[in-house]
Amino acid sequence: MLYISPSFNTVLGVFSMSITRAIIGADGRFAGVISATLDPAELEVLMNSLRAYPR
């Protein structure tokens, strides 16, 4: 399962959001975690490039 946080302001005043995923081993036990903090301003450039425009 992928967990996505609501947007928030960091202690540095940067508007961000986090995504986190637990890693489960072959035996079904917790094996680790992957987490990333995204800057929506930088992500906006990527998302706009995916937008379909009429031709």
N, C-alpha and C. Protein backbone atom coordinates (compact mmCIF):
# COMPACT_ATOMS: atom_id res chain seq x y z
N MET A 1 0.84 -1.17 0.00
CA MET A 1 0.00 0.00 0.00
C MET A 1 0.89 1.24 0.00
N LEU A 2 0.49 2.24 -0.74
CA LEU A 2 1.22 3.51 -0.82
C LEU A 2 0.46 4.54 0.01
N TYR A 3 1.18 5.20 0.91
CA TYR A 3 0.59 6.23 1.77
C TYR A 3 1.02 7.59 1.26
N ILE A 4 0.06 8.49 1.06
CA ILE A 4 0.33 9.84 0.59
C ILE A 4 -0.18 10.81 1.65
N SER A 5 0.71 11.66 2.14
CA SER A 5 0.33 12.60 3.19
C SER A 5 -0.40 13.79 2.59
N PRO A 6 -1.18 14.47 3.41
CA PRO A 6 -1.71 15.76 2.98
C PRO A 6 -0.54 16.73 2.82
N SER A 7 -0.72 17.77 2.04
CA SER A 7 0.35 18.75 1.89
C SER A 7 0.57 19.48 3.20
N PHE A 8 1.81 19.91 3.42
CA PHE A 8 2.18 20.58 4.66
C PHE A 8 3.35 21.52 4.41
N ASN A 9 3.56 22.45 5.33
CA ASN A 9 4.72 23.33 5.28
C ASN A 9 5.80 22.75 6.18
N THR A 10 7.01 22.61 5.67
CA THR A 10 8.12 22.10 6.45
C THR A 10 8.62 23.18 7.40
N VAL A 11 9.55 22.81 8.28
CA VAL A 11 10.12 23.79 9.20
C VAL A 11 10.91 24.86 8.45
N LEU A 12 11.30 24.57 7.21
CA LEU A 12 12.02 25.54 6.38
C LEU A 12 11.06 26.41 5.57
N GLY A 13 9.75 26.18 5.75
CA GLY A 13 8.76 26.98 5.05
C GLY A 13 8.48 26.53 3.63
N VAL A 14 8.88 25.30 3.29
CA VAL A 14 8.65 24.76 1.95
C VAL A 14 7.36 23.95 1.94
N PHE A 15 6.51 24.21 0.97
CA PHE A 15 5.26 23.48 0.81
C PHE A 15 5.59 22.11 0.22
N SER A 16 5.25 21.00 0.91
CA SER A 16 5.65 19.66 0.50
C SER A 16 4.55 18.64 0.76
N MET A 17 4.79 17.42 0.31
CA MET A 17 3.96 16.26 0.64
C MET A 17 4.86 15.03 0.62
N SER A 18 4.49 14.01 1.37
CA SER A 18 5.32 12.81 1.47
C SER A 18 4.57 11.60 0.95
N ILE A 19 5.33 10.68 0.35
CA ILE A 19 4.79 9.38 -0.04
C ILE A 19 5.64 8.32 0.65
N THR A 20 4.99 7.28 1.16
CA THR A 20 5.68 6.25 1.92
C THR A 20 5.10 4.89 1.58
N ARG A 21 5.98 3.89 1.55
CA ARG A 21 5.53 2.52 1.28
C ARG A 21 6.32 1.57 2.16
N ALA A 22 5.61 0.67 2.83
CA ALA A 22 6.25 -0.37 3.63
C ALA A 22 6.70 -1.48 2.69
N ILE A 23 7.86 -2.05 2.97
CA ILE A 23 8.37 -3.20 2.22
C ILE A 23 8.11 -4.45 3.06
N ILE A 24 7.43 -5.42 2.46
CA ILE A 24 7.11 -6.66 3.14
C ILE A 24 7.94 -7.78 2.52
N GLY A 25 8.62 -8.55 3.37
CA GLY A 25 9.48 -9.64 2.89
C GLY A 25 8.67 -10.83 2.40
N ALA A 26 9.36 -11.80 1.83
CA ALA A 26 8.71 -13.00 1.30
C ALA A 26 7.97 -13.77 2.38
N ASP A 27 8.43 -13.63 3.63
CA ASP A 27 7.79 -14.32 4.74
C ASP A 27 6.61 -13.53 5.32
N GLY A 28 6.29 -12.39 4.72
CA GLY A 28 5.16 -11.59 5.16
C GLY A 28 5.47 -10.62 6.29
N ARG A 29 6.72 -10.57 6.72
CA ARG A 29 7.12 -9.68 7.81
C ARG A 29 7.65 -8.37 7.26
N PHE A 30 7.56 -7.34 8.09
CA PHE A 30 8.08 -6.02 7.74
C PHE A 30 9.57 -6.11 7.44
N ALA A 31 9.99 -5.56 6.28
CA ALA A 31 11.39 -5.63 5.87
C ALA A 31 12.01 -4.24 5.68
N GLY A 32 11.22 -3.19 5.75
CA GLY A 32 11.76 -1.85 5.58
C GLY A 32 10.71 -0.87 5.11
N VAL A 33 11.17 0.35 4.83
CA VAL A 33 10.26 1.39 4.40
C VAL A 33 10.97 2.28 3.38
N ILE A 34 10.22 2.77 2.43
CA ILE A 34 10.71 3.74 1.45
C ILE A 34 9.86 4.98 1.62
N SER A 35 10.51 6.13 1.73
CA SER A 35 9.79 7.37 1.91
C SER A 35 10.43 8.47 1.08
N ALA A 36 9.62 9.33 0.50
CA ALA A 36 10.12 10.46 -0.28
C ALA A 36 9.26 11.67 0.01
N THR A 37 9.89 12.82 0.05
CA THR A 37 9.17 14.08 0.20
C THR A 37 9.20 14.80 -1.13
N LEU A 38 8.03 15.18 -1.61
CA LEU A 38 7.90 15.82 -2.92
C LEU A 38 7.66 17.31 -2.77
N ASP A 39 8.25 18.06 -3.66
CA ASP A 39 8.02 19.50 -3.74
C ASP A 39 7.00 19.72 -4.85
N PRO A 40 5.76 20.08 -4.52
CA PRO A 40 4.73 20.24 -5.55
C PRO A 40 5.10 21.21 -6.67
N ALA A 41 5.90 22.22 -6.38
CA ALA A 41 6.29 23.17 -7.43
C ALA A 41 7.12 22.47 -8.51
N GLU A 42 8.01 21.57 -8.11
CA GLU A 42 8.81 20.84 -9.08
C GLU A 42 7.99 19.74 -9.75
N LEU A 43 7.10 19.11 -9.00
CA LEU A 43 6.24 18.06 -9.55
C LEU A 43 5.26 18.63 -10.58
N GLU A 44 4.89 19.89 -10.43
CA GLU A 44 3.95 20.53 -11.35
C GLU A 44 4.48 20.51 -12.78
N VAL A 45 5.77 20.71 -12.98
CA VAL A 45 6.36 20.70 -14.32
C VAL A 45 6.14 19.33 -14.97
N LEU A 46 6.40 18.26 -14.22
CA LEU A 46 6.20 16.92 -14.75
C LEU A 46 4.73 16.66 -15.05
N MET A 47 3.86 17.00 -14.12
CA MET A 47 2.43 16.75 -14.31
C MET A 47 1.88 17.54 -15.49
N ASN A 48 2.33 18.76 -15.69
CA ASN A 48 1.87 19.56 -16.84
C ASN A 48 2.33 18.95 -18.15
N SER A 49 3.48 18.29 -18.15
CA SER A 49 3.96 17.66 -19.39
C SER A 49 3.11 16.45 -19.78
N LEU A 50 2.38 15.90 -18.83
CA LEU A 50 1.54 14.75 -19.10
C LEU A 50 0.13 15.13 -19.54
N ARG A 51 -0.19 16.38 -19.40
CA ARG A 51 -1.53 16.87 -19.75
C ARG A 51 -1.74 16.77 -21.25
N ALA A 52 -2.89 16.25 -21.65
CA ALA A 52 -3.20 16.14 -23.08
C ALA A 52 -3.78 17.47 -23.58
N TYR A 53 -3.23 17.96 -24.65
CA TYR A 53 -3.71 19.19 -25.27
C TYR A 53 -4.35 18.85 -26.60
N PRO A 54 -5.42 19.54 -26.94
CA PRO A 54 -6.04 19.29 -28.26
C PRO A 54 -5.05 19.65 -29.38
N ARG A 55 -5.08 18.89 -30.44
CA ARG A 55 -4.17 19.14 -31.57
C ARG A 55 -4.90 19.78 -32.70
